[in-house]
Amino acid sequence: MLDLNDVRVFTVVARRGTFSAAGRELRLPTSTVARATTRLEKHLEVLLLRRSPKGVLLTDAGTEFLVSCNQALRTIRIGSETLQERRVNPRGLIKVCCPIVLANGLLVQILPEFLHRFPEIRIAIETYTDDFEREPRDDVDVFFKVVPPRDSMRRMRKFPSTLRGLFASREYVERVGRPDRPDELLAHACIGAKTWQLTSDASEIIEVAPAFRVTTCDPAVMCDLVLGGLGIAVLPLYMARQPALCPRLVPVLPQWHPKPAVISALYFGPAALAPKIKVFLDFVGEILGTDRDPRVKEAPFEGLFGKPDEA
C-alpha cells in the first residue's frame, strides 16, 4: 500500500526544490528523504522528479500527482482536526440501557450535571426490570448490569461495589425473633431472589436458598416490604443506614455479609475510542461509589462501598 510518510516527504521535496532543504524541514537525513522519494516512484512506477546537481524539478506526472497529494493531505489534516475537536467537545447520541433502579437512583440524578458539562451530547435511556440476566443488544452503546455478565464480546468497566447486609424491621424481630445461624433463615419469611451467598467475619462462605415470601430484585421494593414487617431482606447499606430508616431496621446476622453488588458497564471495544463514550464512563466513575453518589443521601459514607473487583 502507498506509504503516506513517503507522500508527505515528496510534497516537501517538491516545495523546497532540493532533498537537503526538505531534510532540514523534516529533520531527516538527506539520504532518507531521497530514499523515500525513490521508493514512492517505484511504487507508482512513474518518474515524479528529475534530479540535477542544482536540485529537483517536477515531471508532468509529478505535477499532477502533487495536486492530488496536497488535496489528500489537506483532507487528512481536516479529518484529524475534526476528531481532535470531538475529543475536546464530544457530541452525538449515547444509547444507554440499565436497570430501572439504577436509572432512578443514579442516572436521573447525575445526568443534569453531565449534560451541562457536555452540551452537544444526547442520551437515550432504556430501562429493564424483568430480567437481570439480560444481555446487551448491538445497538446499545453502554449496558449497565448489577449481576456478573455471561461471556460477552463486549469490554467491561467495573465500578465500586455496593456493600449490603441482612435487615428486618423491629416489628418483625419482636414478633418472630432473629436467626442465630445462616441455616435458620430457612425458617424465616424472606424477601429477595435466587440464593444468598454469605461470608462470615472468619471468611467462611455459605449459600442459603430461602423460600421467599416475596420475590423481587428491586432494593427499594424490598426495603418497603421489610419496613412493613413482612420479613428479612438483603439491603444495600447506603439505604439501610439512612437516618430516617436506621431506627426502624434491625441488622440480622451482622457477622455474616451478603455478596456485594457490583455495577458494571459493558460496551464494544471500538466504542471505547469514541470520545462521547469515554467521557460518559469517566463521569459515572467520578461519582458512583464516592461521597458524591446520590444514592448515599444522608447516610454516613464510611463503609458503604467496596473496591470494583469485589464481586
C-alpha atoms as a PDB file:
ATOM      1  CA  MET A   1       0.000   0.000   0.000  1.00  0.00           C
ATOM      2  CA  LEU A   2       1.006   3.619  -0.535  1.00  0.00           C
ATOM      3  CA  ASP A   3       3.083   4.951   2.373  1.00  0.00           C
ATOM      4  CA  LEU A   4       1.669   8.313   3.479  1.00  0.00           C
ATOM      5  CA  ASN A   5       5.008   9.238   5.021  1.00  0.00           C
ATOM      6  CA  ASP A   6       6.615   8.920   1.599  1.00  0.00           C
ATOM      7  CA  VAL A   7       3.832  11.034   0.115  1.00  0.00           C
ATOM      8  CA  ARG A   8       4.425  13.762   2.696  1.00  0.00           C
ATOM      9  CA  VAL A   9       8.178  13.700   2.021  1.00  0.00           C
ATOM     10  CA  PHE A  10       7.515  14.050  -1.713  1.00  0.00           C
ATOM     11  CA  THR A  11       5.329  17.142  -1.192  1.00  0.00           C
ATOM     12  CA  VAL A  12       8.016  18.816   0.905  1.00  0.00           C
ATOM     13  CA  VAL A  13      10.739  17.991  -1.649  1.00  0.00           C
ATOM     14  CA  ALA A  14       8.565  19.403  -4.443  1.00  0.00           C
ATOM     15  CA  ARG A  15       8.004  22.602  -2.466  1.00  0.00           C
ATOM     16  CA  ARG A  16      11.593  23.103  -1.259  1.00  0.00           C
ATOM     17  CA  GLY A  17      13.304  22.071  -4.503  1.00  0.00           C
ATOM     18  CA  THR A  18      16.167  20.022  -3.003  1.00  0.00           C
ATOM     19  CA  PHE A  19      16.500  16.900  -0.905  1.00  0.00           C
ATOM     20  CA  SER A  20      18.726  18.696   1.582  1.00  0.00           C
ATOM     21  CA  ALA A  21      16.270  21.564   2.133  1.00  0.00           C
ATOM     22  CA  ALA A  22      13.423  19.094   2.554  1.00  0.00           C
ATOM     23  CA  GLY A  23      15.542  17.106   5.011  1.00  0.00           C
ATOM     24  CA  ARG A  24      16.161  20.207   7.133  1.00  0.00           C
ATOM     25  CA  GLU A  25      12.428  20.970   7.287  1.00  0.00           C
ATOM     26  CA  LEU A  26      11.511  17.376   8.079  1.00  0.00           C
ATOM     27  CA  ARG A  27      14.538  16.923  10.369  1.00  0.00           C
ATOM     28  CA  LEU A  28      15.589  13.864   8.391  1.00  0.00           C
ATOM     29  CA  PRO A  29      18.895  12.939   6.760  1.00  0.00           C
ATOM     30  CA  THR A  30      19.105  13.877   3.080  1.00  0.00           C
ATOM     31  CA  SER A  31      19.655  10.217   2.199  1.00  0.00           C
ATOM     32  CA  THR A  32      16.411   9.239   3.987  1.00  0.00           C
ATOM     33  CA  VAL A  33      14.491  11.873   2.029  1.00  0.00           C
ATOM     34  CA  ALA A  34      15.971  10.673  -1.259  1.00  0.00           C
ATOM     35  CA  ARG A  35      15.160   7.026  -0.495  1.00  0.00           C
ATOM     36  CA  ALA A  36      11.570   7.892   0.418  1.00  0.00           C
ATOM     37  CA  THR A  37      11.056   9.686  -2.888  1.00  0.00           C
ATOM     38  CA  THR A  38      12.626   6.853  -4.885  1.00  0.00           C
ATOM     39  CA  ARG A  39      10.505   4.312  -3.002  1.00  0.00           C
ATOM     40  CA  LEU A  40       7.361   6.269  -3.891  1.00  0.00           C
ATOM     41  CA  GLU A  41       8.312   6.391  -7.579  1.00  0.00           C
ATOM     42  CA  LYS A  42       8.935   2.640  -7.622  1.00  0.00           C
ATOM     43  CA  HIS A  43       5.581   2.008  -6.003  1.00  0.00           C
ATOM     44  CA  LEU A  44       3.779   4.218  -8.551  1.00  0.00           C
ATOM     45  CA  GLU A  45       6.005   3.009 -11.415  1.00  0.00           C
ATOM     46  CA  VAL A  46       6.416   6.565 -12.706  1.00  0.00           C
ATOM     47  CA  LEU A  47       9.114   9.247 -12.525  1.00  0.00           C
ATOM     48  CA  LEU A  48       7.971  12.155 -10.339  1.00  0.00           C
ATOM     49  CA  LEU A  49      11.177  14.207 -10.063  1.00  0.00           C
ATOM     50  CA  ARG A  50      14.078  14.986 -12.386  1.00  0.00           C
ATOM     51  CA  ARG A  51      17.308  15.094 -10.394  1.00  0.00           C
ATOM     52  CA  SER A  52      20.113  17.542 -11.177  1.00  0.00           C
ATOM     53  CA  PRO A  53      23.119  18.941  -9.283  1.00  0.00           C
ATOM     54  CA  LYS A  54      21.099  22.100  -8.601  1.00  0.00           C
ATOM     55  CA  GLY A  55      18.052  20.312  -7.197  1.00  0.00           C
ATOM     56  CA  VAL A  56      14.902  18.613  -8.448  1.00  0.00           C
ATOM     57  CA  LEU A  57      12.189  19.516 -10.933  1.00  0.00           C
ATOM     58  CA  LEU A  58       8.722  18.027 -11.159  1.00  0.00           C
ATOM     59  CA  THR A  59       7.860  15.944 -14.198  1.00  0.00           C
ATOM     60  CA  ASP A  60       4.408  16.359 -15.743  1.00  0.00           C
ATOM     61  CA  ALA A  61       3.289  13.256 -13.837  1.00  0.00           C
ATOM     62  CA  GLY A  62       4.849  14.666 -10.669  1.00  0.00           C
ATOM     63  CA  THR A  63       2.973  17.953 -11.086  1.00  0.00           C
ATOM     64  CA  GLU A  64      -0.366  16.154 -11.445  1.00  0.00           C
ATOM     65  CA  PHE A  65       0.395  13.830  -8.555  1.00  0.00           C
ATOM     66  CA  LEU A  66       1.410  16.751  -6.308  1.00  0.00           C
ATOM     67  CA  VAL A  67      -2.033  18.329  -6.715  1.00  0.00           C
ATOM     68  CA  SER A  68      -3.692  15.066  -5.634  1.00  0.00           C
ATOM     69  CA  CYS A  69      -1.265  14.662  -2.733  1.00  0.00           C
ATOM     70  CA  ASN A  70      -1.902  18.156  -1.402  1.00  0.00           C
ATOM     71  CA  GLN A  71      -5.662  17.608  -1.584  1.00  0.00           C
ATOM     72  CA  ALA A  72      -5.403  14.245   0.158  1.00  0.00           C
ATOM     73  CA  LEU A  73      -3.116  15.517   2.918  1.00  0.00           C
ATOM     74  CA  ARG A  74      -5.383  18.511   3.451  1.00  0.00           C
ATOM     75  CA  THR A  75      -8.388  16.172   3.786  1.00  0.00           C
ATOM     76  CA  ILE A  76      -6.499  14.029   6.306  1.00  0.00           C
ATOM     77  CA  ARG A  77      -5.481  17.123   8.284  1.00  0.00           C
ATOM     78  CA  ILE A  78      -9.059  18.401   8.377  1.00  0.00           C
ATOM     79  CA  GLY A  79     -10.280  14.958   9.466  1.00  0.00           C
ATOM     80  CA  SER A  80      -7.662  14.832  12.206  1.00  0.00           C
ATOM     81  CA  GLU A  81      -8.634  18.305  13.405  1.00  0.00           C
ATOM     82  CA  THR A  82     -12.302  17.260  13.419  1.00  0.00           C
ATOM     83  CA  LEU A  83     -11.530  14.224  15.552  1.00  0.00           C
ATOM     84  CA  GLN A  84      -9.463  16.359  17.899  1.00  0.00           C
ATOM     85  CA  GLU A  85     -12.399  18.736  18.218  1.00  0.00           C
ATOM     86  CA  ARG A  86     -14.645  15.798  19.063  1.00  0.00           C
ATOM     87  CA  ARG A  87     -12.222  14.742  21.786  1.00  0.00           C
ATOM     88  CA  VAL A  88     -12.286  18.236  23.250  1.00  0.00           C
ATOM     89  CA  ASN A  89     -16.034  18.746  22.695  1.00  0.00           C
ATOM     90  CA  PRO A  90     -17.674  15.287  22.396  1.00  0.00           C
ATOM     91  CA  ARG A  91     -21.015  15.195  20.646  1.00  0.00           C
ATOM     92  CA  GLY A  92     -23.649  12.743  19.488  1.00  0.00           C
ATOM     93  CA  LEU A  93     -26.204  10.311  20.884  1.00  0.00           C
ATOM     94  CA  ILE A  94     -25.352   7.733  23.572  1.00  0.00           C
ATOM     95  CA  LYS A  95     -27.795   4.831  23.904  1.00  0.00           C
ATOM     96  CA  VAL A  96     -27.806   3.576  27.495  1.00  0.00           C
ATOM     97  CA  CYS A  97     -29.632   0.536  28.871  1.00  0.00           C
ATOM     98  CA  CYS A  98     -29.777  -0.046  32.624  1.00  0.00           C
ATOM     99  CA  PRO A  99     -31.947  -1.469  35.428  1.00  0.00           C
ATOM    100  CA  ILE A 100     -34.748   0.902  36.344  1.00  0.00           C
ATOM    101  CA  VAL A 101     -33.453   1.011  39.917  1.00  0.00           C
ATOM    102  CA  LEU A 102     -30.130   2.372  38.693  1.00  0.00           C
ATOM    103  CA  ALA A 103     -31.827   4.788  36.319  1.00  0.00           C
ATOM    104  CA  ASN A 104     -33.982   6.275  39.073  1.00  0.00           C
ATOM    105  CA  GLY A 105     -31.425   6.194  41.861  1.00  0.00           C
ATOM    106  CA  LEU A 106     -28.337   7.296  39.953  1.00  0.00           C
ATOM    107  CA  LEU A 107     -28.590   8.327  36.299  1.00  0.00           C
ATOM    108  CA  VAL A 108     -31.557  10.642  36.699  1.00  0.00           C
ATOM    109  CA  GLN A 109     -29.693  12.420  39.492  1.00  0.00           C
ATOM    110  CA  ILE A 110     -26.341  12.889  37.726  1.00  0.00           C
ATOM    111  CA  LEU A 111     -27.376  13.462  34.104  1.00  0.00           C
ATOM    112  CA  PRO A 112     -28.154  17.189  34.521  1.00  0.00           C
ATOM    113  CA  GLU A 113     -24.537  17.849  35.529  1.00  0.00           C
ATOM    114  CA  PHE A 114     -23.196  15.624  32.738  1.00  0.00           C
ATOM    115  CA  LEU A 115     -25.321  17.236  30.021  1.00  0.00           C
ATOM    116  CA  HIS A 116     -24.421  20.689  31.294  1.00  0.00           C
ATOM    117  CA  ARG A 117     -20.744  19.776  31.064  1.00  0.00           C
ATOM    118  CA  PHE A 118     -21.151  18.272  27.563  1.00  0.00           C
ATOM    119  CA  PRO A 119     -23.980  20.227  25.896  1.00  0.00           C
ATOM    120  CA  GLU A 120     -23.585  18.556  22.483  1.00  0.00           C
ATOM    121  CA  ILE A 121     -24.197  15.030  23.812  1.00  0.00           C
ATOM    122  CA  ARG A 122     -27.671  13.498  23.873  1.00  0.00           C
ATOM    123  CA  ILE A 123     -28.731  10.491  25.975  1.00  0.00           C
ATOM    124  CA  ALA A 124     -31.330   7.817  25.204  1.00  0.00           C
ATOM    125  CA  ILE A 125     -32.150   5.653  28.251  1.00  0.00           C
ATOM    126  CA  GLU A 126     -33.832   2.269  28.069  1.00  0.00           C
ATOM    127  CA  THR A 127     -34.648   0.578  31.368  1.00  0.00           C
ATOM    128  CA  TYR A 128     -35.318  -3.041  32.230  1.00  0.00           C
ATOM    129  CA  THR A 129     -36.751  -4.780  35.285  1.00  0.00           C
ATOM    130  CA  ASP A 130     -37.996  -8.163  34.156  1.00  0.00           C
ATOM    131  CA  ASP A 131     -34.703  -9.981  33.675  1.00  0.00           C
ATOM    132  CA  PHE A 132     -31.490  -9.016  35.435  1.00  0.00           C
ATOM    133  CA  GLU A 133     -29.645 -11.614  33.353  1.00  0.00           C
ATOM    134  CA  ARG A 134     -30.425  -9.754  30.160  1.00  0.00           C
ATOM    135  CA  GLU A 135     -27.518  -9.359  27.759  1.00  0.00           C
ATOM    136  CA  PRO A 136     -26.908  -6.187  25.693  1.00  0.00           C
ATOM    137  CA  ARG A 137     -28.124  -5.662  22.155  1.00  0.00           C
ATOM    138  CA  ASP A 138     -25.793  -4.492  19.422  1.00  0.00           C
ATOM    139  CA  ASP A 139     -27.500  -1.090  19.111  1.00  0.00           C
ATOM    140  CA  VAL A 140     -26.837  -0.142  22.767  1.00  0.00           C
ATOM    141  CA  ASP A 141     -23.679   1.864  23.425  1.00  0.00           C
ATOM    142  CA  VAL A 142     -23.445   1.321  27.198  1.00  0.00           C
ATOM    143  CA  PHE A 143     -25.215  -1.507  29.036  1.00  0.00           C
ATOM    144  CA  PHE A 144     -25.256  -1.420  32.844  1.00  0.00           C
ATOM    145  CA  LYS A 145     -25.585  -4.658  34.801  1.00  0.00           C
ATOM    146  CA  VAL A 146     -25.788  -5.387  38.515  1.00  0.00           C
ATOM    147  CA  VAL A 147     -25.004  -9.086  38.149  1.00  0.00           C
ATOM    148  CA  PRO A 148     -21.842 -10.563  36.603  1.00  0.00           C
ATOM    149  CA  PRO A 149     -22.254 -10.777  32.812  1.00  0.00           C
ATOM    150  CA  ARG A 150     -22.072 -14.043  30.958  1.00  0.00           C
ATOM    151  CA  ASP A 151     -19.403 -14.495  28.302  1.00  0.00           C
ATOM    152  CA  SER A 152     -19.608 -11.327  26.257  1.00  0.00           C
ATOM    153  CA  MET A 153     -17.883  -9.856  23.224  1.00  0.00           C
ATOM    154  CA  ARG A 154     -18.010  -6.503  24.975  1.00  0.00           C
ATOM    155  CA  ARG A 155     -15.427  -4.860  27.147  1.00  0.00           C
ATOM    156  CA  MET A 156     -16.384  -4.208  30.750  1.00  0.00           C
ATOM    157  CA  ARG A 157     -15.739  -1.425  33.223  1.00  0.00           C
ATOM    158  CA  LYS A 158     -16.475  -2.165  36.866  1.00  0.00           C
ATOM    159  CA  PHE A 159     -17.399   0.463  39.414  1.00  0.00           C
ATOM    160  CA  PRO A 160     -17.053   0.339  43.231  1.00  0.00           C
ATOM    161  CA  SER A 161     -19.099  -2.470  44.733  1.00  0.00           C
ATOM    162  CA  THR A 162     -22.139  -1.772  46.898  1.00  0.00           C
ATOM    163  CA  LEU A 163     -21.846  -3.380  50.330  1.00  0.00           C
ATOM    164  CA  ARG A 164     -25.006  -4.991  51.675  1.00  0.00           C
ATOM    165  CA  GLY A 165     -26.420  -6.501  54.836  1.00  0.00           C
ATOM    166  CA  LEU A 166     -29.355  -8.542  56.131  1.00  0.00           C
ATOM    167  CA  PHE A 167     -32.107  -6.496  57.772  1.00  0.00           C
ATOM    168  CA  ALA A 168     -35.560  -6.899  59.275  1.00  0.00           C
ATOM    169  CA  SER A 169     -37.948  -4.442  60.868  1.00  0.00           C
ATOM    170  CA  ARG A 170     -38.118  -4.058  64.640  1.00  0.00           C
ATOM    171  CA  GLU A 171     -41.731  -5.182  64.485  1.00  0.00           C
ATOM    172  CA  TYR A 172     -40.732  -8.423  62.725  1.00  0.00           C
ATOM    173  CA  VAL A 173     -37.931  -9.156  65.188  1.00  0.00           C
ATOM    174  CA  GLU A 174     -40.211  -8.559  68.175  1.00  0.00           C
ATOM    175  CA  ARG A 175     -42.832 -10.839  66.679  1.00  0.00           C
ATOM    176  CA  VAL A 176     -40.685 -13.641  65.231  1.00  0.00           C
ATOM    177  CA  GLY A 177     -37.170 -13.169  66.574  1.00  0.00           C
ATOM    178  CA  ARG A 178     -33.821 -13.215  64.757  1.00  0.00           C
ATOM    179  CA  PRO A 179     -31.897 -16.177  63.371  1.00  0.00           C
ATOM    180  CA  ASP A 180     -28.599 -17.036  65.057  1.00  0.00           C
ATOM    181  CA  ARG A 181     -27.140 -19.005  62.128  1.00  0.00           C
ATOM    182  CA  PRO A 182     -27.497 -18.710  58.330  1.00  0.00           C
ATOM    183  CA  ASP A 183     -29.350 -22.028  58.066  1.00  0.00           C
ATOM    184  CA  GLU A 184     -32.069 -20.655  60.361  1.00  0.00           C
ATOM    185  CA  LEU A 185     -33.016 -18.205  57.615  1.00  0.00           C
ATOM    186  CA  LEU A 186     -34.891 -21.109  56.003  1.00  0.00           C
ATOM    187  CA  ALA A 187     -37.440 -20.926  58.821  1.00  0.00           C
ATOM    188  CA  HIS A 188     -37.989 -17.174  58.378  1.00  0.00           C
ATOM    189  CA  ALA A 189     -40.002 -15.118  55.924  1.00  0.00           C
ATOM    190  CA  CYS A 190     -37.535 -13.694  53.409  1.00  0.00           C
ATOM    191  CA  ILE A 191     -37.768 -11.188  50.593  1.00  0.00           C
ATOM    192  CA  GLY A 192     -35.461 -11.293  47.574  1.00  0.00           C
ATOM    193  CA  ALA A 193     -34.428 -13.592  44.738  1.00  0.00           C
ATOM    194  CA  LYS A 194     -32.132 -16.523  43.990  1.00  0.00           C
ATOM    195  CA  THR A 195     -29.656 -17.793  46.561  1.00  0.00           C
ATOM    196  CA  TRP A 196     -27.888 -15.700  49.167  1.00  0.00           C
ATOM    197  CA  GLN A 197     -24.128 -16.088  49.426  1.00  0.00           C
ATOM    198  CA  LEU A 198     -22.984 -15.106  52.923  1.00  0.00           C
ATOM    199  CA  THR A 199     -19.396 -14.676  54.095  1.00  0.00           C
ATOM    200  CA  SER A 200     -18.576 -14.678  57.799  1.00  0.00           C
ATOM    201  CA  ASP A 201     -16.077 -12.471  59.588  1.00  0.00           C
ATOM    202  CA  ALA A 202     -13.876 -15.589  59.636  1.00  0.00           C
ATOM    203  CA  SER A 203     -14.139 -15.858  55.796  1.00  0.00           C
ATOM    204  CA  GLU A 204     -16.455 -18.896  55.866  1.00  0.00           C
ATOM    205  CA  ILE A 205     -18.808 -18.917  52.879  1.00  0.00           C
ATOM    206  CA  ILE A 206     -22.329 -20.348  52.993  1.00  0.00           C
ATOM    207  CA  GLU A 207     -25.077 -20.296  50.380  1.00  0.00           C
ATOM    208  CA  VAL A 208     -28.673 -20.140  51.551  1.00  0.00           C
ATOM    209  CA  ALA A 209     -31.743 -20.653  49.358  1.00  0.00           C
ATOM    210  CA  PRO A 210     -34.702 -19.194  51.277  1.00  0.00           C
ATOM    211  CA  ALA A 211     -38.289 -19.843  50.307  1.00  0.00           C
ATOM    212  CA  PHE A 212     -39.082 -16.244  49.507  1.00  0.00           C
ATOM    213  CA  ARG A 213     -42.387 -14.888  50.665  1.00  0.00           C
ATOM    214  CA  VAL A 214     -41.991 -12.128  48.100  1.00  0.00           C
ATOM    215  CA  THR A 215     -39.642 -12.421  45.130  1.00  0.00           C
ATOM    216  CA  THR A 216     -38.104  -9.205  43.838  1.00  0.00           C
ATOM    217  CA  CYS A 217     -34.723  -7.781  42.829  1.00  0.00           C
ATOM    218  CA  ASP A 218     -35.618  -4.147  43.491  1.00  0.00           C
ATOM    219  CA  PRO A 219     -33.934  -2.929  46.699  1.00  0.00           C
ATOM    220  CA  ALA A 220     -36.433  -0.084  47.130  1.00  0.00           C
ATOM    221  CA  VAL A 221     -39.334  -2.543  46.989  1.00  0.00           C
ATOM    222  CA  MET A 222     -37.530  -4.892  49.368  1.00  0.00           C
ATOM    223  CA  CYS A 223     -36.935  -2.081  51.831  1.00  0.00           C
ATOM    224  CA  ASP A 224     -40.588  -1.061  51.828  1.00  0.00           C
ATOM    225  CA  LEU A 225     -41.663  -4.660  52.411  1.00  0.00           C
ATOM    226  CA  VAL A 226     -39.140  -5.092  55.233  1.00  0.00           C
ATOM    227  CA  LEU A 227     -40.390  -1.904  56.891  1.00  0.00           C
ATOM    228  CA  GLY A 228     -43.890  -3.363  56.585  1.00  0.00           C
ATOM    229  CA  GLY A 229     -42.814  -6.281  58.761  1.00  0.00           C
ATOM    230  CA  LEU A 230     -43.003  -8.931  56.021  1.00  0.00           C
ATOM    231  CA  GLY A 231     -39.588 -10.495  56.557  1.00  0.00           C
ATOM    232  CA  ILE A 232     -35.815 -10.371  56.150  1.00  0.00           C
ATOM    233  CA  ALA A 233     -34.049  -8.993  53.070  1.00  0.00           C
ATOM    234  CA  VAL A 234     -30.613  -8.138  51.748  1.00  0.00           C
ATOM    235  CA  LEU A 235     -30.437  -4.343  51.551  1.00  0.00           C
ATOM    236  CA  PRO A 236     -27.665  -2.023  50.356  1.00  0.00           C
ATOM    237  CA  LEU A 237     -26.014  -0.309  53.313  1.00  0.00           C
ATOM    238  CA  TYR A 238     -26.463   3.126  51.765  1.00  0.00           C
ATOM    239  CA  MET A 239     -30.213   2.541  52.049  1.00  0.00           C
ATOM    240  CA  ALA A 240     -30.359   0.812  55.430  1.00  0.00           C
ATOM    241  CA  ARG A 241     -28.204   3.481  57.084  1.00  0.00           C
ATOM    242  CA  GLN A 242     -30.361   6.410  56.103  1.00  0.00           C
ATOM    243  CA  PRO A 243     -31.139   8.360  59.307  1.00  0.00           C
ATOM    244  CA  ALA A 244     -34.872   8.075  58.658  1.00  0.00           C
ATOM    245  CA  LEU A 245     -34.719   4.279  58.224  1.00  0.00           C
ATOM    246  CA  CYS A 246     -31.923   3.198  60.554  1.00  0.00           C
ATOM    247  CA  PRO A 247     -34.042   3.358  63.756  1.00  0.00           C
ATOM    248  CA  ARG A 248     -36.699   1.167  62.140  1.00  0.00           C
ATOM    249  CA  LEU A 249     -34.347  -1.540  60.863  1.00  0.00           C
ATOM    250  CA  VAL A 250     -32.535  -4.260  62.799  1.00  0.00           C
ATOM    251  CA  PRO A 251     -29.370  -5.927  61.439  1.00  0.00           C
ATOM    252  CA  VAL A 252     -29.758  -9.688  61.059  1.00  0.00           C
ATOM    253  CA  LEU A 253     -26.704 -11.965  61.353  1.00  0.00           C
ATOM    254  CA  PRO A 254     -24.351  -8.932  61.403  1.00  0.00           C
ATOM    255  CA  GLN A 255     -21.321 -11.227  61.463  1.00  0.00           C
ATOM    256  CA  TRP A 256     -22.370 -12.617  58.059  1.00  0.00           C
ATOM    257  CA  HIS A 257     -22.075 -10.422  54.971  1.00  0.00           C
ATOM    258  CA  PRO A 258     -24.020 -10.837  51.710  1.00  0.00           C
ATOM    259  CA  LYS A 259     -22.074 -10.752  48.476  1.00  0.00           C
ATOM    260  CA  PRO A 260     -21.504  -7.132  47.370  1.00  0.00           C
ATOM    261  CA  ALA A 261     -23.392  -5.911  44.335  1.00  0.00           C
ATOM    262  CA  VAL A 262     -21.068  -4.783  41.547  1.00  0.00           C
ATOM    263  CA  ILE A 263     -22.298  -2.431  38.866  1.00  0.00           C
ATOM    264  CA  SER A 264     -20.518  -2.928  35.546  1.00  0.00           C
ATOM    265  CA  ALA A 265     -20.812  -1.143  32.230  1.00  0.00           C
ATOM    266  CA  LEU A 266     -20.498  -3.222  29.058  1.00  0.00           C
ATOM    267  CA  TYR A 267     -19.501  -1.626  25.783  1.00  0.00           C
ATOM    268  CA  PHE A 268     -17.955  -2.680  22.486  1.00  0.00           C
ATOM    269  CA  GLY A 269     -14.182  -2.323  22.242  1.00  0.00           C
ATOM    270  CA  PRO A 270     -14.255   0.154  19.340  1.00  0.00           C
ATOM    271  CA  ALA A 271     -16.806   2.245  21.249  1.00  0.00           C
ATOM    272  CA  ALA A 272     -14.187   2.832  23.930  1.00  0.00           C
ATOM    273  CA  LEU A 273     -12.376   5.036  21.404  1.00  0.00           C
ATOM    274  CA  ALA A 274     -15.450   7.208  20.871  1.00  0.00           C
ATOM    275  CA  PRO A 275     -14.984  10.409  22.903  1.00  0.00           C
ATOM    276  CA  LYS A 276     -18.655  10.537  23.892  1.00  0.00           C
ATOM    277  CA  ILE A 277     -18.489   7.030  25.416  1.00  0.00           C
ATOM    278  CA  LYS A 278     -15.231   7.731  27.215  1.00  0.00           C
ATOM    279  CA  VAL A 279     -16.389  10.965  28.839  1.00  0.00           C
ATOM    280  CA  PHE A 280     -19.671   9.336  29.883  1.00  0.00           C
ATOM    281  CA  LEU A 281     -17.997   6.370  31.591  1.00  0.00           C
ATOM    282  CA  ASP A 282     -15.378   8.627  33.157  1.00  0.00           C
ATOM    283  CA  PHE A 283     -18.110  10.899  34.512  1.00  0.00           C
ATOM    284  CA  VAL A 284     -20.031   7.982  36.018  1.00  0.00           C
ATOM    285  CA  GLY A 285     -16.739   6.772  37.513  1.00  0.00           C
ATOM    286  CA  GLU A 286     -16.217  10.178  39.144  1.00  0.00           C
ATOM    287  CA  ILE A 287     -19.461   9.820  41.091  1.00  0.00           C
ATOM    288  CA  LEU A 288     -20.508   6.205  41.544  1.00  0.00           C
ATOM    289  CA  GLY A 289     -19.277   4.760  44.838  1.00  0.00           C
ATOM    290  CA  THR A 290     -17.950   8.109  46.111  1.00  0.00           C
ATOM    291  CA  ASP A 291     -19.339  10.611  48.594  1.00  0.00           C
ATOM    292  CA  ARG A 292     -20.922  12.352  45.562  1.00  0.00           C
ATOM    293  CA  ASP A 293     -23.039   9.268  44.822  1.00  0.00           C
ATOM    294  CA  PRO A 294     -26.670  10.478  45.014  1.00  0.00           C
ATOM    295  CA  ARG A 295     -27.758   7.156  46.498  1.00  0.00           C
ATOM    296  CA  VAL A 296     -25.820   7.962  49.672  1.00  0.00           C
ATOM    297  CA  LYS A 297     -28.126  10.878  50.519  1.00  0.00           C
ATOM    298  CA  GLU A 298     -27.792  11.456  54.291  1.00  0.00           C
ATOM    299  CA  ALA A 299     -26.213   8.122  55.232  1.00  0.00           C
ATOM    300  CA  PRO A 300     -22.725   8.165  56.808  1.00  0.00           C
ATOM    301  CA  PHE A 301     -20.417   7.464  53.864  1.00  0.00           C
ATOM    302  CA  GLU A 302     -17.807   5.300  55.587  1.00  0.00           C
ATOM    303  CA  GLY A 303     -18.201   1.591  54.835  1.00  0.00           C
ATOM    304  CA  LEU A 304     -20.882   1.834  52.155  1.00  0.00           C
ATOM    305  CA  PHE A 305     -18.820   0.796  49.127  1.00  0.00           C
ATOM    306  CA  GLY A 306     -16.002  -1.584  48.302  1.00  0.00           C
ATOM    307  CA  LYS A 307     -13.497  -1.906  45.503  1.00  0.00           C
ATOM    308  CA  PRO A 308     -14.623  -2.519  41.897  1.00  0.00           C
ATOM    309  CA  ASP A 309     -13.208  -6.070  41.906  1.00  0.00           C
ATOM    310  CA  GLU A 310     -15.187  -7.145  44.968  1.00  0.00           C
ATOM    311  CA  ALA A 311     -17.818  -9.235  43.244  1.00  0.00           C
END
